């Protein structure tokens, strides 16, 4: 099954997310989280290290800085 179908977006929308034309919607983030059991922050921040407890009160560091 194609990744776009798994997260309920069109191939065109997925391509635009991959090209950083826009960020994934809340619904896409939740679909990725549920299907792949990821940290909820991962689709938003990628591999950056999050410090501070939650996504609303935190500092973000590049993983190479830690």
Protein backbone atom coordinates (compact mmCIF):
# COMPACT_ATOMS: atom_id res chain seq x y z
CA UNK A 1 0.00 0.00 0.00
CA UNK A 2 1.29 3.47 -0.83
CA UNK A 3 2.23 5.78 2.03
CA UNK A 4 -0.13 8.50 0.77
CA UNK A 5 -3.07 6.09 0.96
CA UNK A 6 -2.07 4.92 4.44
CA UNK A 7 -2.16 8.48 5.80
CA UNK A 8 -5.26 9.45 3.77
CA UNK A 9 -3.76 12.13 1.50
CA UNK A 10 -3.36 12.38 -2.25
CA UNK A 11 0.00 11.65 -3.84
CA UNK A 12 0.17 15.32 -4.87
CA UNK A 13 -0.36 16.53 -1.31
CA UNK A 14 2.27 14.13 -0.01
CA UNK A 15 4.71 15.37 -2.64
CA UNK A 16 4.12 18.97 -1.55
CA UNK A 17 4.69 18.04 2.11
CA UNK A 18 7.93 16.26 1.16
CA UNK A 19 9.08 19.35 -0.77
CA UNK A 20 8.37 21.57 2.28
CA UNK A 21 5.73 23.55 0.40
CA UNK A 22 3.57 23.20 3.51
CA UNK A 23 3.44 21.35 6.82
CA UNK A 24 1.28 18.25 7.30
CA UNK A 25 -2.19 18.89 8.72
CA UNK A 26 -3.23 17.77 12.18
CA UNK A 27 -5.18 14.89 10.59
CA UNK A 28 -2.09 13.70 8.69
CA UNK A 29 0.06 13.89 11.83
CA UNK A 30 -2.49 11.84 13.78
CA UNK A 31 -2.73 9.28 10.94
CA UNK A 32 1.06 8.85 10.90
CA UNK A 33 1.12 8.57 14.69
CA UNK A 34 -1.60 5.92 14.80
CA UNK A 35 -0.39 3.85 11.84
CA UNK A 36 3.34 3.89 12.65
CA UNK A 37 3.29 4.43 16.43
CA UNK A 38 5.58 7.47 16.17
CA UNK A 39 6.09 10.27 18.64
CA UNK A 40 3.48 12.92 17.84
CA UNK A 41 6.20 15.56 17.44
CA UNK A 42 8.18 13.62 14.82
CA UNK A 43 6.20 14.69 11.71
CA UNK A 44 6.45 18.30 12.87
CA UNK A 45 10.06 18.54 14.03
CA UNK A 46 11.74 15.54 12.40
CA UNK A 47 14.89 14.34 14.11
CA UNK A 48 15.38 17.47 16.23
CA UNK A 49 15.63 16.80 19.96
CA UNK A 50 12.75 18.23 21.99
CA UNK A 51 13.51 19.28 25.55
CA UNK A 52 10.96 20.54 28.05
CA UNK A 53 8.24 17.94 28.49
CA UNK A 54 5.70 18.74 25.80
CA UNK A 55 5.32 20.46 22.45
CA UNK A 56 3.78 23.59 24.00
CA UNK A 57 6.58 24.39 26.46
CA UNK A 58 9.91 23.29 25.04
CA UNK A 59 13.22 24.12 23.51
CA UNK A 60 14.30 22.52 20.25
CA UNK A 61 17.86 21.47 19.58
CA UNK A 62 19.48 20.06 16.50
CA UNK A 63 20.32 16.42 17.28
CA UNK A 64 23.99 17.11 16.50
CA UNK A 65 24.18 19.80 19.23
CA UNK A 66 23.35 17.36 22.02
